[in-house]
Amino acid sequence: MSEQGKRLAFSQVAPPKPRGPSPDMVALINVLAEQAAAINRLAQSNEALVQAMAQDGEMGDDLPPTVGLNGRSL
């Protein structure tokens, strides 16, 4: 059997080997991981700010209701 025939026969019997993610997919995963980390840092910062505002009593509960252009409260 020729080399080409052996490869053809083997490819028909053996399942294809997993190749892993493409370089573009790896780059996308890395960018998404960086963005997720930045979002988590922002969320933690916002949570700390909300906690500090709550302790200072600056949550806006003492402000009058916001009024829209039609004169009704939002």
PDB file of N, CA and C in Angstrom:
ATOM      1  N   MET A   1       0.854  -1.172   0.000  1.00  0.00           N
ATOM      2  CA  MET A   1       0.000   0.000   0.000  1.00  0.00           C
ATOM      3  C   MET A   1       0.901   1.236   0.000  1.00  0.00           C
ATOM      4  N   SER A   2       0.541   2.208  -0.790  1.00  0.00           N
ATOM      5  CA  SER A   2       1.345   3.427  -0.880  1.00  0.00           C
ATOM      6  C   SER A   2       1.173   4.274   0.387  1.00  0.00           C
ATOM      7  N   GLU A   3       2.074   5.234   0.538  1.00  0.00           N
ATOM      8  CA  GLU A   3       2.003   6.126   1.711  1.00  0.00           C
ATOM      9  C   GLU A   3       0.699   6.913   1.713  1.00  0.00           C
ATOM     10  N   GLN A   4       0.301   7.368   0.546  1.00  0.00           N
ATOM     11  CA  GLN A   4      -0.949   8.113   0.435  1.00  0.00           C
ATOM     12  C   GLN A   4      -2.133   7.220   0.787  1.00  0.00           C
ATOM     13  N   GLY A   5      -2.093   5.987   0.349  1.00  0.00           N
ATOM     14  CA  GLY A   5      -3.159   5.037   0.675  1.00  0.00           C
ATOM     15  C   GLY A   5      -3.229   4.764   2.164  1.00  0.00           C
ATOM     16  N   LYS A   6      -2.064   4.659   2.815  1.00  0.00           N
ATOM     17  CA  LYS A   6      -2.041   4.440   4.266  1.00  0.00           C
ATOM     18  C   LYS A   6      -2.649   5.637   5.001  1.00  0.00           C
ATOM     19  N   ARG A   7      -2.273   6.841   4.572  1.00  0.00           N
ATOM     20  CA  ARG A   7      -2.825   8.037   5.225  1.00  0.00           C
ATOM     21  C   ARG A   7      -4.336   8.102   5.037  1.00  0.00           C
ATOM     22  N   LEU A   8      -4.794   7.783   3.851  1.00  0.00           N
ATOM     23  CA  LEU A   8      -6.222   7.813   3.572  1.00  0.00           C
ATOM     24  C   LEU A   8      -6.947   6.785   4.426  1.00  0.00           C
ATOM     25  N   ALA A   9      -6.422   5.580   4.496  1.00  0.00           N
ATOM     26  CA  ALA A   9      -7.049   4.531   5.298  1.00  0.00           C
ATOM     27  C   ALA A   9      -7.052   4.915   6.773  1.00  0.00           C
ATOM     28  N   PHE A  10      -5.944   5.454   7.256  1.00  0.00           N
ATOM     29  CA  PHE A  10      -5.854   5.835   8.663  1.00  0.00           C
ATOM     30  C   PHE A  10      -6.817   6.981   8.979  1.00  0.00           C
ATOM     31  N   SER A  11      -6.929   7.945   8.063  1.00  0.00           N
ATOM     32  CA  SER A  11      -7.807   9.087   8.311  1.00  0.00           C
ATOM     33  C   SER A  11      -9.268   8.669   8.340  1.00  0.00           C
ATOM     34  N   GLN A  12      -9.595   7.578   7.641  1.00  0.00           N
ATOM     35  CA  GLN A  12     -10.974   7.109   7.644  1.00  0.00           C
ATOM     36  C   GLN A  12     -11.296   6.328   8.914  1.00  0.00           C
ATOM     37  N   VAL A  13     -10.279   5.799   9.595  1.00  0.00           N
ATOM     38  CA  VAL A  13     -10.502   4.987  10.788  1.00  0.00           C
ATOM     39  C   VAL A  13     -10.329   5.816  12.055  1.00  0.00           C
ATOM     40  N   ALA A  14      -9.280   6.581  12.118  1.00  0.00           N
ATOM     41  CA  ALA A  14      -8.952   7.320  13.336  1.00  0.00           C
ATOM     42  C   ALA A  14      -9.708   8.644  13.380  1.00  0.00           C
ATOM     43  N   PRO A  15     -10.174   9.013  14.558  1.00  0.00           N
ATOM     44  CA  PRO A  15     -10.816  10.328  14.669  1.00  0.00           C
ATOM     45  C   PRO A  15      -9.757  11.423  14.538  1.00  0.00           C
ATOM     46  N   PRO A  16     -10.148  12.577  14.071  1.00  0.00           N
ATOM     47  CA  PRO A  16      -9.175  13.664  13.934  1.00  0.00           C
ATOM     48  C   PRO A  16      -8.655  14.085  15.308  1.00  0.00           C
ATOM     49  N   LYS A  17      -7.395  14.460  15.346  1.00  0.00           N
ATOM     50  CA  LYS A  17      -6.792  14.909  16.597  1.00  0.00           C
ATOM     51  C   LYS A  17      -7.302  16.316  16.911  1.00  0.00           C
ATOM     52  N   PRO A  18      -7.614  16.554  18.162  1.00  0.00           N
ATOM     53  CA  PRO A  18      -8.021  17.920  18.511  1.00  0.00           C
ATOM     54  C   PRO A  18      -6.844  18.872  18.336  1.00  0.00           C
ATOM     55  N   ARG A  19      -7.112  19.990  17.750  1.00  0.00           N
ATOM     56  CA  ARG A  19      -6.043  20.941  17.444  1.00  0.00           C
ATOM     57  C   ARG A  19      -5.938  22.052  18.469  1.00  0.00           C
ATOM     58  N   GLY A  20      -6.924  22.209  19.304  1.00  0.00           N
ATOM     59  CA  GLY A  20      -6.910  23.317  20.249  1.00  0.00           C
ATOM     60  C   GLY A  20      -7.420  24.582  19.593  1.00  0.00           C
ATOM     61  N   PRO A  21      -7.555  25.621  20.374  1.00  0.00           N
ATOM     62  CA  PRO A  21      -8.087  26.869  19.820  1.00  0.00           C
ATOM     63  C   PRO A  21      -7.095  27.535  18.870  1.00  0.00           C
ATOM     64  N   SER A  22      -7.645  28.229  17.902  1.00  0.00           N
ATOM     65  CA  SER A  22      -6.808  28.950  16.942  1.00  0.00           C
ATOM     66  C   SER A  22      -6.154  30.149  17.635  1.00  0.00           C
ATOM     67  N   PRO A  23      -5.095  30.696  17.053  1.00  0.00           N
ATOM     68  CA  PRO A  23      -4.456  31.881  17.653  1.00  0.00           C
ATOM     69  C   PRO A  23      -5.422  33.056  17.810  1.00  0.00           C
ATOM     70  N   ASP A  24      -6.327  33.219  16.846  1.00  0.00           N
ATOM     71  CA  ASP A  24      -7.310  34.299  16.959  1.00  0.00           C
ATOM     72  C   ASP A  24      -8.237  34.073  18.147  1.00  0.00           C
ATOM     73  N   MET A  25      -8.628  32.814  18.353  1.00  0.00           N
ATOM     74  CA  MET A  25      -9.503  32.496  19.475  1.00  0.00           C
ATOM     75  C   MET A  25      -8.779  32.724  20.801  1.00  0.00           C
ATOM     76  N   VAL A  26      -7.507  32.371  20.864  1.00  0.00           N
ATOM     77  CA  VAL A  26      -6.709  32.602  22.076  1.00  0.00           C
ATOM     78  C   VAL A  26      -6.617  34.099  22.359  1.00  0.00           C
ATOM     79  N   ALA A  27      -6.392  34.893  21.323  1.00  0.00           N
ATOM     80  CA  ALA A  27      -6.315  36.348  21.493  1.00  0.00           C
ATOM     81  C   ALA A  27      -7.652  36.899  21.989  1.00  0.00           C
ATOM     82  N   LEU A  28      -8.752  36.404  21.433  1.00  0.00           N
ATOM     83  CA  LEU A  28     -10.078  36.848  21.856  1.00  0.00           C
ATOM     84  C   LEU A  28     -10.328  36.483  23.315  1.00  0.00           C
ATOM     85  N   ILE A  29      -9.963  35.279  23.698  1.00  0.00           N
ATOM     86  CA  ILE A  29     -10.136  34.839  25.086  1.00  0.00           C
ATOM     87  C   ILE A  29      -9.328  35.733  26.022  1.00  0.00           C
ATOM     88  N   ASN A  30      -8.109  36.072  25.627  1.00  0.00           N
ATOM     89  CA  ASN A  30      -7.268  36.937  26.458  1.00  0.00           C
ATOM     90  C   ASN A  30      -7.871  38.330  26.604  1.00  0.00           C
ATOM     91  N   VAL A  31      -8.380  38.880  25.511  1.00  0.00           N
ATOM     92  CA  VAL A  31      -9.002  40.210  25.567  1.00  0.00           C
ATOM     93  C   VAL A  31     -10.237  40.173  26.459  1.00  0.00           C
ATOM     94  N   LEU A  32     -11.047  39.137  26.311  1.00  0.00           N
ATOM     95  CA  LEU A  32     -12.247  39.026  27.144  1.00  0.00           C
ATOM     96  C   LEU A  32     -11.887  38.872  28.617  1.00  0.00           C
ATOM     97  N   ALA A  33     -10.833  38.137  28.909  1.00  0.00           N
ATOM     98  CA  ALA A  33     -10.391  37.975  30.298  1.00  0.00           C
ATOM     99  C   ALA A  33      -9.924  39.312  30.871  1.00  0.00           C
ATOM    100  N   GLU A  34      -9.203  40.100  30.073  1.00  0.00           N
ATOM    101  CA  GLU A  34      -8.756  41.422  30.527  1.00  0.00           C
ATOM    102  C   GLU A  34      -9.948  42.342  30.784  1.00  0.00           C
ATOM    103  N   GLN A  35     -10.931  42.297  29.886  1.00  0.00           N
ATOM    104  CA  GLN A  35     -12.113  43.134  30.062  1.00  0.00           C
ATOM    105  C   GLN A  35     -12.910  42.710  31.289  1.00  0.00           C
ATOM    106  N   ALA A  36     -13.036  41.409  31.503  1.00  0.00           N
ATOM    107  CA  ALA A  36     -13.751  40.917  32.679  1.00  0.00           C
ATOM    108  C   ALA A  36     -13.045  41.357  33.957  1.00  0.00           C
ATOM    109  N   ALA A  37     -11.723  41.315  33.957  1.00  0.00           N
ATOM    110  CA  ALA A  37     -10.962  41.755  35.132  1.00  0.00           C
ATOM    111  C   ALA A  37     -11.175  43.248  35.378  1.00  0.00           C
ATOM    112  N   ALA A  38     -11.187  44.043  34.314  1.00  0.00           N
ATOM    113  CA  ALA A  38     -11.410  45.486  34.457  1.00  0.00           C
ATOM    114  C   ALA A  38     -12.818  45.759  34.985  1.00  0.00           C
ATOM    115  N   ILE A  39     -13.801  45.028  34.492  1.00  0.00           N
ATOM    116  CA  ILE A  39     -15.182  45.195  34.964  1.00  0.00           C
ATOM    117  C   ILE A  39     -15.284  44.821  36.439  1.00  0.00           C
ATOM    118  N   ASN A  40     -14.607  43.755  36.841  1.00  0.00           N
ATOM    119  CA  ASN A  40     -14.629  43.350  38.250  1.00  0.00           C
ATOM    120  C   ASN A  40     -13.981  44.408  39.139  1.00  0.00           C
ATOM    121  N   ARG A  41     -12.870  44.989  38.672  1.00  0.00           N
ATOM    122  CA  ARG A  41     -12.227  46.057  39.453  1.00  0.00           C
ATOM    123  C   ARG A  41     -13.155  47.261  39.586  1.00  0.00           C
ATOM    124  N   LEU A  42     -13.834  47.613  38.501  1.00  0.00           N
ATOM    125  CA  LEU A  42     -14.768  48.735  38.533  1.00  0.00           C
ATOM    126  C   LEU A  42     -15.935  48.442  39.474  1.00  0.00           C
ATOM    127  N   ALA A  43     -16.448  47.228  39.426  1.00  0.00           N
ATOM    128  CA  ALA A  43     -17.557  46.855  40.309  1.00  0.00           C
ATOM    129  C   ALA A  43     -17.136  46.924  41.772  1.00  0.00           C
ATOM    130  N   GLN A  44     -15.932  46.465  42.075  1.00  0.00           N
ATOM    131  CA  GLN A  44     -15.438  46.534  43.454  1.00  0.00           C
ATOM    132  C   GLN A  44     -15.262  47.983  43.892  1.00  0.00           C
ATOM    133  N   SER A  45     -14.760  48.816  42.996  1.00  0.00           N
ATOM    134  CA  SER A  45     -14.583  50.228  43.304  1.00  0.00           C
ATOM    135  C   SER A  45     -15.938  50.887  43.554  1.00  0.00           C
ATOM    136  N   ASN A  46     -16.914  50.582  42.705  1.00  0.00           N
ATOM    137  CA  ASN A  46     -18.250  51.148  42.870  1.00  0.00           C
ATOM    138  C   ASN A  46     -18.877  50.680  44.177  1.00  0.00           C
ATOM    139  N   GLU A  47     -18.678  49.416  44.512  1.00  0.00           N
ATOM    140  CA  GLU A  47     -19.226  48.886  45.760  1.00  0.00           C
ATOM    141  C   GLU A  47     -18.616  49.609  46.951  1.00  0.00           C
ATOM    142  N   ALA A  48     -17.300  49.849  46.901  1.00  0.00           N
ATOM    143  CA  ALA A  48     -16.638  50.578  47.986  1.00  0.00           C
ATOM    144  C   ALA A  48     -17.177  52.004  48.078  1.00  0.00           C
ATOM    145  N   LEU A  49     -17.424  52.638  46.938  1.00  0.00           N
ATOM    146  CA  LEU A  49     -17.964  53.995  46.929  1.00  0.00           C
ATOM    147  C   LEU A  49     -19.375  54.019  47.509  1.00  0.00           C
ATOM    148  N   VAL A  50     -20.200  53.064  47.135  1.00  0.00           N
ATOM    149  CA  VAL A  50     -21.569  52.992  47.656  1.00  0.00           C
ATOM    150  C   VAL A  50     -21.544  52.779  49.168  1.00  0.00           C
ATOM    151  N   GLN A  51     -20.660  51.913  49.629  1.00  0.00           N
ATOM    152  CA  GLN A  51     -20.551  51.678  51.074  1.00  0.00           C
ATOM    153  C   GLN A  51     -20.146  52.964  51.800  1.00  0.00           C
ATOM    154  N   ALA A  52     -19.178  53.689  51.245  1.00  0.00           N
ATOM    155  CA  ALA A  52     -18.730  54.935  51.868  1.00  0.00           C
ATOM    156  C   ALA A  52     -19.845  55.973  51.866  1.00  0.00           C
ATOM    157  N   MET A  53     -20.581  56.065  50.766  1.00  0.00           N
ATOM    158  CA  MET A  53     -21.684  57.019  50.693  1.00  0.00           C
ATOM    159  C   MET A  53     -22.781  56.655  51.685  1.00  0.00           C
ATOM    160  N   ALA A  54     -23.043  55.376  51.849  1.00  0.00           N
ATOM    161  CA  ALA A  54     -24.072  54.936  52.789  1.00  0.00           C
ATOM    162  C   ALA A  54     -23.676  55.296  54.214  1.00  0.00           C
ATOM    163  N   GLN A  55     -22.404  55.176  54.529  1.00  0.00           N
ATOM    164  CA  GLN A  55     -21.938  55.521  55.874  1.00  0.00           C
ATOM    165  C   GLN A  55     -22.010  57.026  56.114  1.00  0.00           C
ATOM    166  N   ASP A  56     -21.799  57.812  55.069  1.00  0.00           N
ATOM    167  CA  ASP A  56     -21.843  59.269  55.199  1.00  0.00           C
ATOM    168  C   ASP A  56     -23.263  59.816  55.091  1.00  0.00           C
ATOM    169  N   GLY A  57     -24.217  58.969  54.732  1.00  0.00           N
ATOM    170  CA  GLY A  57     -25.589  59.419  54.558  1.00  0.00           C
ATOM    171  C   GLY A  57     -25.793  60.206  53.287  1.00  0.00           C
ATOM    172  N   GLU A  58     -24.992  59.946  52.267  1.00  0.00           N
ATOM    173  CA  GLU A  58     -25.072  60.693  51.008  1.00  0.00           C
ATOM    174  C   GLU A  58     -25.694  59.860  49.891  1.00  0.00           C
ATOM    175  N   MET A  59     -26.663  59.060  50.210  1.00  0.00           N
ATOM    176  CA  MET A  59     -27.247  58.182  49.196  1.00  0.00           C
ATOM    177  C   MET A  59     -28.311  58.882  48.355  1.00  0.00           C
ATOM    178  N   GLY A  60     -28.644  60.125  48.678  1.00  0.00           N
ATOM    179  CA  GLY A  60     -29.634  60.843  47.894  1.00  0.00           C
ATOM    180  C   GLY A  60     -31.046  60.663  48.405  1.00  0.00           C
ATOM    181  N   ASP A  61     -31.213  59.985  49.533  1.00  0.00           N
ATOM    182  CA  ASP A  61     -32.551  59.774  50.073  1.00  0.00           C
ATOM    183  C   ASP A  61     -33.191  61.081  50.531  1.00  0.00           C
ATOM    184  N   ASP A  62     -32.362  62.066  50.841  1.00  0.00           N
ATOM    185  CA  ASP A  62     -32.874  63.334  51.343  1.00  0.00           C
ATOM    186  C   ASP A  62     -33.153  64.342  50.220  1.00  0.00           C
ATOM    187  N   LEU A  63     -32.931  63.956  48.980  1.00  0.00           N
ATOM    188  CA  LEU A  63     -33.144  64.860  47.852  1.00  0.00           C
ATOM    189  C   LEU A  63     -34.595  64.797  47.392  1.00  0.00           C
ATOM    190  N   PRO A  64     -35.106  65.905  46.834  1.00  0.00           N
ATOM    191  CA  PRO A  64     -36.471  65.862  46.298  1.00  0.00           C
ATOM    192  C   PRO A  64     -36.515  64.950  45.069  1.00  0.00           C
ATOM    193  N   PRO A  65     -37.695  64.433  44.736  1.00  0.00           N
ATOM    194  CA  PRO A  65     -37.788  63.554  43.567  1.00  0.00           C
ATOM    195  C   PRO A  65     -37.404  64.290  42.284  1.00  0.00           C
ATOM    196  N   THR A  66     -36.793  63.580  41.382  1.00  0.00           N
ATOM    197  CA  THR A  66     -36.400  64.156  40.103  1.00  0.00           C
ATOM    198  C   THR A  66     -37.641  64.331  39.241  1.00  0.00           C
ATOM    199  N   VAL A  67     -37.746  65.497  38.612  1.00  0.00           N
ATOM    200  CA  VAL A  67     -38.914  65.807  37.795  1.00  0.00           C
ATOM    201  C   VAL A  67     -38.503  65.806  36.333  1.00  0.00           C
ATOM    202  N   GLY A  68     -39.306  65.158  35.507  1.00  0.00           N
ATOM    203  CA  GLY A  68     -39.033  65.094  34.084  1.00  0.00           C
ATOM    204  C   GLY A  68     -39.521  66.334  33.359  1.00  0.00           C
ATOM    205  N   LEU A  69     -39.356  66.363  32.045  1.00  0.00           N
ATOM    206  CA  LEU A  69     -39.745  67.522  31.240  1.00  0.00           C
ATOM    207  C   LEU A  69     -41.242  67.778  31.275  1.00  0.00           C
ATOM    208  N   ASN A  70     -42.032  66.727  31.506  1.00  0.00           N
ATOM    209  CA  ASN A  70     -43.484  66.891  31.532  1.00  0.00           C
ATOM    210  C   ASN A  70     -43.993  67.274  32.921  1.00  0.00           C
ATOM    211  N   GLY A  71     -43.087  67.508  33.872  1.00  0.00           N
ATOM    212  CA  GLY A  71     -43.483  67.916  35.207  1.00  0.00           C
ATOM    213  C   GLY A  71     -43.789  66.765  36.139  1.00  0.00           C
ATOM    214  N   ARG A  72     -43.772  65.564  35.631  1.00  0.00           N
ATOM    215  CA  ARG A  72     -44.046  64.390  36.464  1.00  0.00           C
ATOM    216  C   ARG A  72     -42.732  63.834  36.993  1.00  0.00           C
ATOM    217  N   SER A  73     -42.797  63.197  38.153  1.00  0.00           N
ATOM    218  CA  SER A  73     -41.576  62.634  38.729  1.00  0.00           C
ATOM    219  C   SER A  73     -41.127  61.431  37.913  1.00  0.00           C
ATOM    220  N   LEU A  74     -39.822  61.260  37.837  1.00  0.00           N
ATOM    221  CA  LEU A  74     -39.271  60.134  37.105  1.00  0.00           C
ATOM    222  C   LEU A  74     -39.355  58.936  37.994  1.00  0.00           C
TER     223      LEU A  74
END
